[in-house]
Structures are given as C-alpha cells and as structure tokens.
Amino acid sequence: MTSIKAKALCIFRYENKSLLSFGYDPSKNEHYLRPIGGGIEFGETSLQAIEREVLEEINQQITHSKLIGVLENLFSFDGQQGHEVVFVYEAEFVDPTLYSQTKINGYESDGSTYIAQWMTLQQLVSEQYPVYPKGIEQWLFANRQPNL
C-alpha cells in the first residue's frame, strides 16, 4: 500500500462492554479485534462513511453519532505496510435489541464474514487479543450508555 487511507470506525458501548469485530492476519497468524467500520469513499464525509459501513456490514442504522477522536495508524497487515487516518466515532443503534445479542454477524464488501461480540475490558485482558488500531483502547470503555 503506497497511499494513506481514510477510515471511519464506530464504537458501540453497552453497560461495561464494547462491540468489537474479530479479524485475522494470516501473515502474522494473529487473531485481533477492532470496532466496526471501514474506508471512507470519495465524496462522502467520515460520518456518512460510518453510517454506510454499519448499514452494509451488520444491516443496522445508528443514531447519536459523535466524533470522539482521530488516530494516525502505521501498521502491517497480511505482509503489507499500511498507513491510515482513522476517524473514531461513538454511536448508538436505532434498534435496541442489538444490545442483548451476544454475537452479531458481519459482512465485508469482499464477501468475507466476521463475528462482532460485546466484550468487557476483563475479557480483552484475559483473552489477550490485540485491539486495532493502536490507541483506540482509550475510548472503548468510557462510561456512556445508550438512550434506550
């Protein structure tokens, strides 16, 4: 990858948990976690991108979206170097039943699938999955509750 990518990720919180999707890097043989989201397309804002990504990946609409930070991420994935600027949002689901689901099926634009799961900080520590992008941990478990 020789260009800087713009991405948007969305943190969803409920009680003492954060919704994170499972991913896998074959070149590192590493399982990892990250919030739901993806690339910003030309002509759309980061907010429009997160709304689109959540709708495309887990077929859900969001509300009360708020930009909480921006990260610059230099990384390696599948043997390739990457550089991205990540807009980090927090939001709530329009459908409150998502908060009671233990696992949510997600679908990427390339046809691959993933599982998103509500995780506590204690689970992250005990299961030792890295969370990407680095630096996002500061926002995962803030004390914010959905307006149910």
N, C-alpha and C. Protein backbone atom coordinates (compact mmCIF):
# COMPACT_ATOMS: atom_id res chain seq x y z
N MET A 1 0.86 -1.17 0.00
CA MET A 1 0.00 0.00 0.00
C MET A 1 0.90 1.24 0.00
N THR A 2 0.71 2.11 -0.95
CA THR A 2 1.59 3.27 -1.05
C THR A 2 0.86 4.58 -0.84
N SER A 3 -0.38 4.53 -0.44
CA SER A 3 -1.11 5.76 -0.18
C SER A 3 -1.70 5.72 1.22
N ILE A 4 -2.04 6.89 1.73
CA ILE A 4 -2.67 6.98 3.04
C ILE A 4 -4.17 6.81 2.85
N LYS A 5 -4.75 5.90 3.59
CA LYS A 5 -6.19 5.63 3.51
C LYS A 5 -6.92 6.39 4.60
N ALA A 6 -8.13 6.84 4.32
CA ALA A 6 -9.00 7.46 5.31
C ALA A 6 -10.05 6.44 5.71
N LYS A 7 -10.20 6.21 7.01
CA LYS A 7 -11.16 5.23 7.51
C LYS A 7 -12.00 5.85 8.61
N ALA A 8 -13.13 5.21 8.88
CA ALA A 8 -14.01 5.61 9.97
C ALA A 8 -14.42 4.35 10.72
N LEU A 9 -14.28 4.38 12.03
CA LEU A 9 -14.68 3.27 12.89
C LEU A 9 -15.67 3.78 13.92
N CYS A 10 -16.56 2.89 14.37
CA CYS A 10 -17.59 3.31 15.31
C CYS A 10 -17.57 2.42 16.55
N ILE A 11 -17.51 3.06 17.69
CA ILE A 11 -17.55 2.36 18.96
C ILE A 11 -18.98 2.36 19.48
N PHE A 12 -19.45 1.17 19.78
CA PHE A 12 -20.76 0.99 20.41
C PHE A 12 -20.51 0.44 21.80
N ARG A 13 -21.15 1.04 22.81
CA ARG A 13 -20.97 0.61 24.20
C ARG A 13 -22.32 0.28 24.82
N TYR A 14 -22.28 -0.68 25.72
CA TYR A 14 -23.48 -1.01 26.49
C TYR A 14 -23.02 -1.61 27.81
N GLU A 15 -23.54 -1.04 28.90
CA GLU A 15 -23.12 -1.44 30.24
C GLU A 15 -21.60 -1.32 30.29
N ASN A 16 -20.89 -2.37 30.64
CA ASN A 16 -19.43 -2.28 30.72
C ASN A 16 -18.76 -2.96 29.52
N LYS A 17 -19.47 -3.00 28.38
CA LYS A 17 -18.97 -3.72 27.21
C LYS A 17 -18.87 -2.81 26.00
N SER A 18 -18.01 -3.23 25.07
CA SER A 18 -17.85 -2.55 23.80
C SER A 18 -17.99 -3.59 22.69
N LEU A 19 -18.62 -3.21 21.57
CA LEU A 19 -18.82 -4.14 20.47
C LEU A 19 -17.58 -4.14 19.57
N LEU A 20 -16.96 -5.30 19.44
CA LEU A 20 -15.74 -5.43 18.64
C LEU A 20 -15.87 -6.60 17.68
N SER A 21 -15.31 -6.42 16.49
CA SER A 21 -15.35 -7.47 15.48
C SER A 21 -14.02 -8.23 15.49
N PHE A 22 -14.11 -9.53 15.22
CA PHE A 22 -12.93 -10.38 15.16
C PHE A 22 -12.35 -10.34 13.76
N GLY A 23 -11.03 -10.27 13.70
CA GLY A 23 -10.32 -10.31 12.43
C GLY A 23 -9.13 -11.24 12.53
N TYR A 24 -8.49 -11.50 11.40
CA TYR A 24 -7.35 -12.42 11.36
C TYR A 24 -6.34 -11.92 10.34
N ASP A 25 -5.08 -11.87 10.74
CA ASP A 25 -3.97 -11.51 9.85
C ASP A 25 -3.20 -12.78 9.55
N PRO A 26 -3.32 -13.33 8.32
CA PRO A 26 -2.67 -14.61 8.02
C PRO A 26 -1.14 -14.57 8.06
N SER A 27 -0.55 -13.45 7.68
CA SER A 27 0.92 -13.41 7.67
C SER A 27 1.50 -13.42 9.09
N LYS A 28 0.75 -12.91 10.06
CA LYS A 28 1.20 -12.93 11.46
C LYS A 28 0.59 -14.09 12.23
N ASN A 29 -0.35 -14.81 11.61
CA ASN A 29 -1.13 -15.83 12.29
C ASN A 29 -1.71 -15.25 13.59
N GLU A 30 -2.34 -14.08 13.44
CA GLU A 30 -2.82 -13.33 14.60
C GLU A 30 -4.31 -13.04 14.49
N HIS A 31 -5.04 -13.42 15.54
CA HIS A 31 -6.44 -13.01 15.68
C HIS A 31 -6.44 -11.68 16.43
N TYR A 32 -7.32 -10.77 16.04
CA TYR A 32 -7.37 -9.45 16.66
C TYR A 32 -8.81 -8.96 16.70
N LEU A 33 -9.01 -7.82 17.36
CA LEU A 33 -10.33 -7.20 17.48
C LEU A 33 -10.25 -5.76 16.99
N ARG A 34 -11.38 -5.25 16.49
CA ARG A 34 -11.46 -3.84 16.14
C ARG A 34 -12.94 -3.44 16.08
N PRO A 35 -13.20 -2.14 16.24
CA PRO A 35 -14.58 -1.69 16.09
C PRO A 35 -15.06 -1.83 14.64
N ILE A 36 -16.35 -1.76 14.46
CA ILE A 36 -16.95 -1.85 13.12
C ILE A 36 -16.68 -0.57 12.34
N GLY A 37 -16.42 -0.71 11.07
CA GLY A 37 -16.20 0.44 10.21
C GLY A 37 -15.38 0.07 9.00
N GLY A 38 -14.89 1.10 8.29
CA GLY A 38 -14.11 0.84 7.10
C GLY A 38 -13.72 2.10 6.39
N GLY A 39 -13.42 1.96 5.12
CA GLY A 39 -12.90 3.06 4.32
C GLY A 39 -13.92 4.14 4.02
N ILE A 40 -13.42 5.35 3.92
CA ILE A 40 -14.24 6.49 3.51
C ILE A 40 -14.13 6.60 1.99
N GLU A 41 -15.27 6.63 1.32
CA GLU A 41 -15.27 6.72 -0.13
C GLU A 41 -15.17 8.17 -0.57
N PHE A 42 -14.64 8.37 -1.77
CA PHE A 42 -14.52 9.72 -2.32
C PHE A 42 -15.89 10.38 -2.36
N GLY A 43 -15.97 11.60 -1.85
CA GLY A 43 -17.21 12.35 -1.88
C GLY A 43 -18.11 12.17 -0.67
N GLU A 44 -17.71 11.30 0.27
CA GLU A 44 -18.52 11.16 1.47
C GLU A 44 -17.73 11.62 2.69
N THR A 45 -18.44 12.10 3.69
CA THR A 45 -17.79 12.50 4.93
C THR A 45 -17.52 11.27 5.78
N SER A 46 -16.71 11.44 6.81
CA SER A 46 -16.44 10.32 7.72
C SER A 46 -17.73 9.87 8.41
N LEU A 47 -18.62 10.80 8.73
CA LEU A 47 -19.90 10.44 9.35
C LEU A 47 -20.76 9.63 8.38
N GLN A 48 -20.82 10.07 7.13
CA GLN A 48 -21.58 9.30 6.14
C GLN A 48 -20.97 7.91 5.96
N ALA A 49 -19.65 7.83 6.02
CA ALA A 49 -18.97 6.54 5.85
C ALA A 49 -19.32 5.58 6.98
N ILE A 50 -19.34 6.07 8.21
CA ILE A 50 -19.64 5.17 9.32
C ILE A 50 -21.10 4.72 9.27
N GLU A 51 -21.99 5.62 8.89
CA GLU A 51 -23.40 5.22 8.75
C GLU A 51 -23.54 4.15 7.66
N ARG A 52 -22.86 4.34 6.53
CA ARG A 52 -22.91 3.37 5.43
C ARG A 52 -22.28 2.05 5.83
N GLU A 53 -21.10 2.12 6.44
CA GLU A 53 -20.39 0.89 6.81
C GLU A 53 -21.20 0.03 7.78
N VAL A 54 -21.79 0.64 8.79
CA VAL A 54 -22.58 -0.12 9.76
C VAL A 54 -23.81 -0.73 9.08
N LEU A 55 -24.43 0.02 8.18
CA LEU A 55 -25.58 -0.49 7.45
C LEU A 55 -25.17 -1.65 6.53
N GLU A 56 -24.06 -1.49 5.81
CA GLU A 56 -23.61 -2.55 4.89
C GLU A 56 -23.14 -3.79 5.64
N GLU A 57 -22.42 -3.59 6.73
CA GLU A 57 -21.80 -4.74 7.39
C GLU A 57 -22.72 -5.50 8.32
N ILE A 58 -23.55 -4.80 9.09
CA ILE A 58 -24.43 -5.51 10.04
C ILE A 58 -25.90 -5.14 9.86
N ASN A 59 -26.21 -4.43 8.79
CA ASN A 59 -27.59 -4.09 8.44
C ASN A 59 -28.32 -3.35 9.57
N GLN A 60 -27.63 -2.37 10.16
CA GLN A 60 -28.22 -1.61 11.26
C GLN A 60 -28.05 -0.11 11.02
N GLN A 61 -29.06 0.63 11.48
CA GLN A 61 -28.97 2.09 11.44
C GLN A 61 -28.49 2.58 12.80
N ILE A 62 -27.81 3.74 12.77
CA ILE A 62 -27.26 4.29 14.00
C ILE A 62 -27.81 5.69 14.26
N THR A 63 -27.68 6.12 15.50
CA THR A 63 -28.13 7.44 15.90
C THR A 63 -27.17 8.00 16.95
N HIS A 64 -27.31 9.28 17.26
CA HIS A 64 -26.46 9.96 18.25
C HIS A 64 -24.97 9.78 17.95
N SER A 65 -24.59 9.84 16.68
CA SER A 65 -23.19 9.69 16.27
C SER A 65 -22.40 10.92 16.69
N LYS A 66 -21.20 10.68 17.20
CA LYS A 66 -20.35 11.77 17.65
C LYS A 66 -18.89 11.41 17.39
N LEU A 67 -18.18 12.31 16.74
CA LEU A 67 -16.75 12.13 16.53
C LEU A 67 -16.04 12.31 17.87
N ILE A 68 -15.28 11.30 18.29
CA ILE A 68 -14.59 11.39 19.59
C ILE A 68 -13.08 11.47 19.47
N GLY A 69 -12.55 11.24 18.27
CA GLY A 69 -11.11 11.34 18.10
C GLY A 69 -10.65 10.94 16.72
N VAL A 70 -9.39 11.22 16.45
CA VAL A 70 -8.76 10.84 15.19
C VAL A 70 -7.42 10.20 15.52
N LEU A 71 -7.13 9.09 14.87
CA LEU A 71 -5.86 8.38 15.06
C LEU A 71 -5.12 8.28 13.74
N GLU A 72 -3.81 8.35 13.81
CA GLU A 72 -2.98 8.02 12.66
C GLU A 72 -2.36 6.67 12.95
N ASN A 73 -2.47 5.76 12.02
CA ASN A 73 -2.08 4.38 12.26
C ASN A 73 -1.10 3.90 11.18
N LEU A 74 0.10 3.54 11.58
CA LEU A 74 1.08 2.89 10.72
C LEU A 74 1.09 1.42 11.13
N PHE A 75 0.90 0.51 10.18
CA PHE A 75 0.71 -0.88 10.54
C PHE A 75 1.18 -1.81 9.43
N SER A 76 1.15 -3.09 9.74
CA SER A 76 1.42 -4.14 8.78
C SER A 76 0.24 -5.11 8.82
N PHE A 77 -0.31 -5.45 7.65
CA PHE A 77 -1.38 -6.43 7.57
C PHE A 77 -1.16 -7.32 6.37
N ASP A 78 -1.20 -8.60 6.59
CA ASP A 78 -1.00 -9.60 5.54
C ASP A 78 0.30 -9.34 4.76
N GLY A 79 1.32 -8.95 5.50
CA GLY A 79 2.64 -8.74 4.92
C GLY A 79 2.83 -7.41 4.21
N GLN A 80 1.82 -6.55 4.20
CA GLN A 80 1.90 -5.26 3.53
C GLN A 80 1.90 -4.12 4.54
N GLN A 81 2.72 -3.12 4.29
CA GLN A 81 2.73 -1.94 5.16
C GLN A 81 1.51 -1.08 4.83
N GLY A 82 0.94 -0.46 5.86
CA GLY A 82 -0.22 0.39 5.68
C GLY A 82 -0.09 1.67 6.47
N HIS A 83 -0.82 2.67 6.03
CA HIS A 83 -0.84 3.98 6.70
C HIS A 83 -2.26 4.49 6.54
N GLU A 84 -2.91 4.82 7.66
CA GLU A 84 -4.29 5.28 7.60
C GLU A 84 -4.53 6.36 8.64
N VAL A 85 -5.49 7.20 8.33
CA VAL A 85 -6.01 8.18 9.28
C VAL A 85 -7.42 7.70 9.60
N VAL A 86 -7.68 7.50 10.90
CA VAL A 86 -8.92 6.87 11.33
C VAL A 86 -9.75 7.86 12.15
N PHE A 87 -10.96 8.13 11.67
CA PHE A 87 -11.92 8.94 12.41
C PHE A 87 -12.70 8.00 13.31
N VAL A 88 -12.66 8.25 14.61
CA VAL A 88 -13.30 7.36 15.59
C VAL A 88 -14.58 8.02 16.09
N TYR A 89 -15.68 7.31 15.91
CA TYR A 89 -17.00 7.78 16.34
C TYR A 89 -17.52 6.90 17.47
N GLU A 90 -18.44 7.45 18.23
CA GLU A 90 -19.27 6.65 19.11
C GLU A 90 -20.70 6.88 18.63
N ALA A 91 -21.53 5.86 18.77
CA ALA A 91 -22.92 5.98 18.33
C ALA A 91 -23.75 4.95 19.07
N GLU A 92 -25.04 5.00 18.80
CA GLU A 92 -25.98 4.05 19.37
C GLU A 92 -26.76 3.41 18.23
N PHE A 93 -27.26 2.22 18.48
CA PHE A 93 -28.10 1.55 17.50
C PHE A 93 -29.53 2.07 17.61
N VAL A 94 -30.18 2.24 16.48
CA VAL A 94 -31.60 2.59 16.47
C VAL A 94 -32.40 1.43 17.07
N ASP A 95 -32.02 0.21 16.73
CA ASP A 95 -32.70 -0.99 17.21
C ASP A 95 -32.08 -1.44 18.54
N PRO A 96 -32.79 -1.27 19.66
CA PRO A 96 -32.20 -1.61 20.96
C PRO A 96 -31.99 -3.10 21.19
N THR A 97 -32.56 -3.96 20.34
CA THR A 97 -32.36 -5.40 20.55
C THR A 97 -30.91 -5.83 20.30
N LEU A 98 -30.14 -5.00 19.60
CA LEU A 98 -28.73 -5.34 19.35
C LEU A 98 -27.94 -5.44 20.65
N TYR A 99 -28.35 -4.70 21.66
CA TYR A 99 -27.62 -4.68 22.93
C TYR A 99 -27.77 -5.99 23.70
N SER A 100 -28.79 -6.77 23.40
CA SER A 100 -28.97 -8.04 24.11
C SER A 100 -28.42 -9.23 23.34
N GLN A 101 -27.95 -9.01 22.12
CA GLN A 101 -27.36 -10.10 21.33
C GLN A 101 -25.91 -10.30 21.76
N THR A 102 -25.52 -11.53 22.00
CA THR A 102 -24.14 -11.79 22.41
C THR A 102 -23.19 -11.72 21.22
N LYS A 103 -23.68 -12.13 20.04
CA LYS A 103 -22.85 -12.09 18.84
C LYS A 103 -23.67 -11.54 17.68
N ILE A 104 -23.00 -10.79 16.81
CA ILE A 104 -23.64 -10.19 15.65
C ILE A 104 -22.83 -10.57 14.42
N ASN A 105 -23.49 -11.08 13.39
CA ASN A 105 -22.80 -11.46 12.16
C ASN A 105 -22.56 -10.23 11.31
N GLY A 106 -21.33 -10.13 10.78
CA GLY A 106 -20.97 -9.01 9.92
C GLY A 106 -20.48 -9.50 8.57
N TYR A 107 -20.62 -8.63 7.56
CA TYR A 107 -20.27 -8.97 6.18
C TYR A 107 -19.44 -7.85 5.58
N GLU A 108 -18.26 -8.19 5.09
CA GLU A 108 -17.37 -7.24 4.45
C GLU A 108 -17.72 -7.12 2.97
N SER A 109 -17.28 -6.03 2.33
CA SER A 109 -17.59 -5.80 0.92
C SER A 109 -16.93 -6.83 0.00
N ASP A 110 -15.86 -7.49 0.47
CA ASP A 110 -15.20 -8.51 -0.35
C ASP A 110 -15.87 -9.88 -0.22
N GLY A 111 -16.98 -9.94 0.53
CA GLY A 111 -17.70 -11.20 0.68
C GLY A 111 -17.33 -11.99 1.92
N SER A 112 -16.27 -11.59 2.60
CA SER A 112 -15.89 -12.30 3.82
C SER A 112 -16.84 -11.94 4.96
N THR A 113 -16.88 -12.80 5.95
CA THR A 113 -17.77 -12.59 7.09
C THR A 113 -16.95 -12.47 8.37
N TYR A 114 -17.58 -11.93 9.39
CA TYR A 114 -16.95 -11.85 10.70
C TYR A 114 -18.01 -11.92 11.78
N ILE A 115 -17.56 -12.09 12.99
CA ILE A 115 -18.43 -12.07 14.16
C ILE A 115 -18.04 -10.85 14.99
N ALA A 116 -19.04 -10.08 15.40
CA ALA A 116 -18.83 -8.99 16.36
C ALA A 116 -19.43 -9.44 17.68
N GLN A 117 -18.77 -9.07 18.76
CA GLN A 117 -19.19 -9.54 20.07
C GLN A 117 -19.04 -8.43 21.09
N TRP A 118 -19.95 -8.38 22.05
CA TRP A 118 -19.83 -7.44 23.17
C TRP A 118 -18.75 -7.97 24.09
N MET A 119 -17.72 -7.16 24.34
CA MET A 119 -16.57 -7.59 25.14
C MET A 119 -16.35 -6.62 26.30
N THR A 120 -15.98 -7.17 27.45
CA THR A 120 -15.59 -6.35 28.59
C THR A 120 -14.08 -6.14 28.55
N LEU A 121 -13.60 -5.19 29.30
CA LEU A 121 -12.16 -4.97 29.42
C LEU A 121 -11.49 -6.22 29.99
N GLN A 122 -12.14 -6.85 30.95
CA GLN A 122 -11.58 -8.06 31.56
C GLN A 122 -11.43 -9.18 30.52
N GLN A 123 -12.40 -9.31 29.61
CA GLN A 123 -12.28 -10.32 28.55
C GLN A 123 -11.09 -10.02 27.63
N LEU A 124 -10.91 -8.74 27.30
CA LEU A 124 -9.78 -8.38 26.43
C LEU A 124 -8.46 -8.73 27.09
N VAL A 125 -8.37 -8.46 28.37
CA VAL A 125 -7.12 -8.74 29.10
C VAL A 125 -6.91 -10.25 29.21
N SER A 126 -7.95 -11.00 29.58
CA SER A 126 -7.77 -12.44 29.80
C SER A 126 -7.57 -13.20 28.49
N GLU A 127 -8.22 -12.78 27.42
CA GLU A 127 -8.09 -13.49 26.15
C GLU A 127 -6.90 -12.99 25.33
N GLN A 128 -6.34 -11.87 25.71
CA GLN A 128 -5.13 -11.31 25.12
C GLN A 128 -5.19 -11.08 23.61
N TYR A 129 -6.36 -10.71 23.11
CA TYR A 129 -6.45 -10.31 21.71
C TYR A 129 -5.97 -8.88 21.58
N PRO A 130 -5.11 -8.59 20.61
CA PRO A 130 -4.78 -7.18 20.37
C PRO A 130 -6.00 -6.46 19.79
N VAL A 131 -6.12 -5.18 20.09
CA VAL A 131 -7.20 -4.35 19.56
C VAL A 131 -6.57 -3.31 18.64
N TYR A 132 -7.09 -3.22 17.43
CA TYR A 132 -6.58 -2.28 16.44
C TYR A 132 -7.66 -1.29 16.03
N PRO A 133 -7.26 -0.11 15.59
CA PRO A 133 -5.90 0.41 15.54
C PRO A 133 -5.39 0.75 16.94
N LYS A 134 -4.08 0.69 17.08
CA LYS A 134 -3.47 1.02 18.37
C LYS A 134 -3.89 2.42 18.78
N GLY A 135 -4.18 2.58 20.05
CA GLY A 135 -4.60 3.88 20.57
C GLY A 135 -6.11 4.00 20.74
N ILE A 136 -6.87 3.10 20.13
CA ILE A 136 -8.33 3.20 20.23
C ILE A 136 -8.84 2.73 21.60
N GLU A 137 -7.99 2.01 22.34
CA GLU A 137 -8.39 1.47 23.64
C GLU A 137 -8.88 2.56 24.59
N GLN A 138 -8.34 3.76 24.46
CA GLN A 138 -8.70 4.86 25.35
C GLN A 138 -10.19 5.21 25.30
N TRP A 139 -10.87 4.84 24.21
CA TRP A 139 -12.28 5.20 24.05
C TRP A 139 -13.24 4.02 24.20
N LEU A 140 -12.72 2.80 24.30
CA LEU A 140 -13.61 1.64 24.26
C LEU A 140 -14.55 1.51 25.45
N PHE A 141 -14.09 1.89 26.62
CA PHE A 141 -14.89 1.61 27.81
C PHE A 141 -15.25 2.87 28.60
N ALA A 142 -15.46 3.97 27.90
CA ALA A 142 -15.91 5.20 28.56
C ALA A 142 -17.31 4.96 29.12
N ASN A 143 -17.68 5.70 30.12
CA ASN A 143 -18.96 5.50 30.80
C ASN A 143 -20.09 6.20 30.08
N ARG A 144 -20.48 5.70 28.94
CA ARG A 144 -21.59 6.28 28.18
C ARG A 144 -22.61 5.17 27.92
N GLN A 145 -23.86 5.45 28.15
CA GLN A 145 -24.92 4.48 27.95
C GLN A 145 -25.83 4.92 26.82
N PRO A 146 -26.39 3.97 26.09
CA PRO A 146 -27.33 4.33 25.03
C PRO A 146 -28.59 4.95 25.61
N ASN A 147 -29.23 5.79 24.83
CA ASN A 147 -30.50 6.41 25.22
C ASN A 147 -31.64 5.46 24.86
N LEU A 148 -31.85 4.46 25.67
CA LEU A 148 -32.89 3.46 25.37
C LEU A 148 -34.26 3.91 25.83
